C-alpha cells in the first residue's frame, strides 16, 4: 500500500507499509519508541543505481514486524531528515561502488565510511552521510544505522537491474529480515 508523504520542503516520497503498520504508526506516535525504518535509496532510472528502491518494492506485501516501515527514499538526501529523525533503527539499502564483483554485498555503519569531504556550495550537494551527520548535530539521529550495500554492474539509463544485481535481491531481503529480528525470507 502506498501513502504519499509530503515533507516540510514540499517534496513527496512514497511510504510503503505492511498491512498492520497503520496500527503500528498510531502506537509509535503515542510511545517513546520510534519505529524501525527500512530505507531504499537510489535512482531507478539508472539501472543498478536504483537497487535500494527495488529491494523495498520487492519487500512490499511481506509480513513484517508491526514497528517496521518501508520507505522509498529515491534520490532525496537532506529531504530525508524528517524520515530518519528519532528512529530506533534505520536500515539503508543502496548501491555501493567499490570495485568488487557486481552483486557483492556489504554491511557497514556510517562511521565505517571515510567520507572525502568537499566544500558544499548548495543543499543539493548534501548526500545521505551528510544528512545523518546533520541529524546527529540536531539531536535527532537514529539510534542505530545499518547500511546494506550492493555492488552495481550497470549505472546507465535503464529501468531494469542487471542480472548480477537482480540475482542478489532475495539475499538482500533475507539480510534485512535478519536485521529486523531474525525472520526468514
Protein backbone atom coordinates (compact mmCIF):
# COMPACT_ATOMS: atom_id res chain seq x y z
CA UNK A 1 0.00 0.00 0.00
CA UNK A 2 1.45 3.39 -0.97
CA UNK A 3 0.92 6.53 1.07
CA UNK A 4 2.19 9.79 -0.46
CA UNK A 5 4.05 11.83 2.09
CA UNK A 6 4.99 15.49 1.63
CA UNK A 7 7.82 16.81 3.75
CA UNK A 8 8.39 20.33 5.02
CA UNK A 9 10.15 21.19 1.74
CA UNK A 10 7.10 20.30 -0.36
CA UNK A 11 8.73 17.22 -1.88
CA UNK A 12 6.95 13.90 -1.94
CA UNK A 13 8.24 10.44 -1.13
CA UNK A 14 6.40 7.15 -1.00
CA UNK A 15 5.87 5.27 2.23
CA UNK A 16 5.18 1.59 1.90
CA UNK A 17 3.85 -0.35 4.85
CA UNK A 18 2.77 -3.83 5.72
CA UNK A 19 -0.95 -4.43 6.33
CA UNK A 20 -0.77 -3.87 10.08
CA UNK A 21 1.67 -0.99 10.02
CA UNK A 22 -1.06 1.66 10.14
CA UNK A 23 -1.77 0.44 13.66
CA UNK A 24 1.96 0.44 14.38
CA UNK A 25 2.21 4.06 13.27
CA UNK A 26 -0.56 5.01 15.70
CA UNK A 27 1.26 3.17 18.52
CA UNK A 28 4.63 4.73 17.67
CA UNK A 29 3.21 8.24 17.86
CA UNK A 30 1.93 7.62 21.35
CA UNK A 31 5.03 5.82 22.68
CA UNK A 32 8.59 6.92 23.28
CA UNK A 33 9.99 4.34 20.84
CA UNK A 34 10.27 5.29 17.21
CA UNK A 35 9.64 2.61 14.60
CA UNK A 36 12.29 0.91 12.53
CA UNK A 37 12.79 2.34 9.05
CA UNK A 38 13.90 0.29 6.04
CA UNK A 39 15.02 2.93 3.56
CA UNK A 40 15.71 2.10 -0.07
CA UNK A 41 17.60 4.83 -1.91
CA UNK A 42 18.80 5.32 -5.46
CA UNK A 43 17.81 6.42 -8.93
CA UNK A 44 15.63 3.81 -10.64
CA UNK A 45 16.27 5.49 -14.00
CA UNK A 46 19.93 4.42 -13.84
CA UNK A 47 19.54 0.63 -13.68
CA UNK A 48 21.55 -0.76 -10.73
CA UNK A 49 21.76 2.66 -9.07
CA UNK A 50 18.10 2.07 -8.08
CA UNK A 51 18.69 -1.26 -6.34
CA UNK A 52 17.78 0.11 -2.89
CA UNK A 53 14.38 1.24 -4.11
CA UNK A 54 13.88 -2.07 -5.96
CA UNK A 55 14.57 -4.04 -2.76
CA UNK A 56 11.96 -2.01 -0.86
CA UNK A 57 9.48 -2.61 -3.69
CA UNK A 58 10.21 -6.34 -3.54
CA UNK A 59 9.52 -6.32 0.21
CA UNK A 60 6.02 -4.91 -0.22
CA UNK A 61 3.33 -7.28 0.96
CA UNK A 62 5.71 -9.29 3.16
CA UNK A 63 4.81 -9.95 6.77
CA UNK A 64 6.94 -7.51 8.76
CA UNK A 65 7.04 -6.65 12.45
CA UNK A 66 4.47 -4.01 13.37
CA UNK A 67 7.09 -1.38 14.14
CA UNK A 68 8.72 -1.54 10.68
CA UNK A 69 8.13 1.00 7.94
CA UNK A 70 9.36 0.62 4.36
CA UNK A 71 10.27 3.85 2.59
CA UNK A 72 11.30 4.62 -0.98
CA UNK A 73 13.76 7.47 -0.48
CA UNK A 74 14.57 7.76 -4.18
CA UNK A 75 17.34 10.30 -4.72
CA UNK A 76 16.38 12.54 -1.81
CA UNK A 77 19.08 13.43 0.68
CA UNK A 78 18.57 16.27 3.16
CA UNK A 79 14.83 15.90 2.46
CA UNK A 80 15.04 12.55 4.28
CA UNK A 81 15.95 14.23 7.57
CA UNK A 82 12.39 14.09 8.89
CA UNK A 83 12.03 10.45 7.90
CA UNK A 84 15.29 9.48 9.65
CA UNK A 85 14.76 11.55 12.80
CA UNK A 86 14.49 9.83 16.16
CA UNK A 87 14.23 6.28 14.85
CA UNK A 88 15.37 3.35 16.93
CA UNK A 89 16.93 1.72 13.89
CA UNK A 90 17.37 2.62 10.24
CA UNK A 91 18.41 0.10 7.62
CA UNK A 92 19.57 1.82 4.44
CA UNK A 93 19.80 -0.14 1.19
CA UNK A 94 21.84 1.40 -1.61
CA UNK A 95 24.22 0.73 -4.47
CA UNK A 96 27.84 0.91 -3.29
CA UNK A 97 30.56 1.06 -5.91
CA UNK A 98 33.90 -0.14 -4.58
CA UNK A 99 35.33 -2.10 -7.49
CA UNK A 100 34.32 -5.60 -6.38
CA UNK A 101 32.36 -8.11 -8.43
CA UNK A 102 28.84 -6.94 -9.36
CA UNK A 103 26.33 -8.22 -6.83
CA UNK A 104 28.81 -8.22 -3.94
CA UNK A 105 27.01 -7.38 -0.69
CA UNK A 106 28.31 -5.08 2.03
CA UNK A 107 27.15 -4.37 5.58
CA UNK A 108 28.52 -1.39 7.44
CA UNK A 109 27.69 1.58 9.62
CA UNK A 110 28.12 5.24 8.65
CA UNK A 111 31.18 5.51 10.92
CA UNK A 112 32.87 2.76 8.87
CA UNK A 113 33.00 5.07 5.85
CA UNK A 114 35.78 7.56 5.28
CA UNK A 115 33.92 10.50 3.84
CA UNK A 116 36.00 12.53 1.41
CA UNK A 117 34.65 15.89 2.48
CA UNK A 118 34.41 18.55 -0.17
CA UNK A 119 33.14 22.04 0.43
CA UNK A 120 29.43 22.19 -0.25
CA UNK A 121 28.02 25.14 -2.13
CA UNK A 122 24.39 24.01 -2.14
CA UNK A 123 22.00 21.81 -0.16
CA UNK A 124 21.58 19.87 -3.43
CA UNK A 125 25.10 18.53 -2.86
CA UNK A 126 24.22 17.04 0.52
CA UNK A 127 24.34 13.24 0.48
CA UNK A 128 22.93 10.64 2.81
CA UNK A 129 26.00 10.58 5.08
CA UNK A 130 25.85 14.35 5.47
CA UNK A 131 22.13 14.09 6.24
CA UNK A 132 22.90 11.59 9.03
CA UNK A 133 25.56 14.00 10.34
CA UNK A 134 23.03 16.86 10.31
CA UNK A 135 20.58 14.67 12.26
CA UNK A 136 23.32 13.98 14.83
CA UNK A 137 24.03 17.73 15.21
CA UNK A 138 20.32 18.44 15.60
CA UNK A 139 19.99 15.76 18.27
CA UNK A 140 17.56 13.64 16.28
CA UNK A 141 19.86 10.99 14.79
CA UNK A 142 18.61 7.40 14.63
CA UNK A 143 19.97 5.27 17.47
CA UNK A 144 21.34 2.66 15.06
CA UNK A 145 22.06 2.90 11.33
CA UNK A 146 22.99 -0.08 9.20
CA UNK A 147 23.84 0.25 5.54
CA UNK A 148 23.40 -2.71 3.22
CA UNK A 149 25.24 -2.02 0.00
CA UNK A 150 25.14 -3.84 -3.31
CA UNK A 151 27.96 -3.56 -5.84
CA UNK A 152 26.36 -2.36 -9.11
CA UNK A 153 27.20 -3.66 -12.55
CA UNK A 154 25.47 -1.10 -14.74
CA UNK A 155 24.85 2.55 -13.90
CA UNK A 156 23.43 3.90 -17.11
CA UNK A 157 19.98 4.69 -18.47
CA UNK A 158 17.58 1.82 -17.95
CA UNK A 159 14.79 0.75 -15.62
CA UNK A 160 15.86 -2.88 -15.12
CA UNK A 161 18.50 -4.16 -12.75
CA UNK A 162 21.40 -6.04 -14.33
CA UNK A 163 21.12 -9.84 -13.99
CA UNK A 164 24.00 -9.91 -11.46
CA UNK A 165 22.33 -7.38 -9.18
CA UNK A 166 18.77 -8.72 -9.66
CA UNK A 167 20.04 -12.15 -8.60
CA UNK A 168 21.09 -10.89 -5.13
CA UNK A 169 17.86 -9.02 -4.30
CA UNK A 170 16.39 -12.08 -2.48
CA UNK A 171 19.57 -12.36 -0.39
CA UNK A 172 19.40 -8.64 0.47
CA UNK A 173 15.80 -9.15 1.64
CA UNK A 174 17.00 -12.05 3.82
CA UNK A 175 19.65 -9.76 5.34
CA UNK A 176 17.08 -7.03 6.02
CA UNK A 177 14.75 -9.53 7.67
CA UNK A 178 17.63 -10.83 9.76
CA UNK A 179 18.41 -7.26 10.89
CA UNK A 180 14.75 -6.90 11.84
CA UNK A 181 14.95 -9.76 14.28
CA UNK A 182 15.75 -13.00 12.57
CA UNK A 183 12.66 -13.51 10.42
CA UNK A 184 13.47 -15.75 7.48
CA UNK A 185 12.72 -14.57 3.96
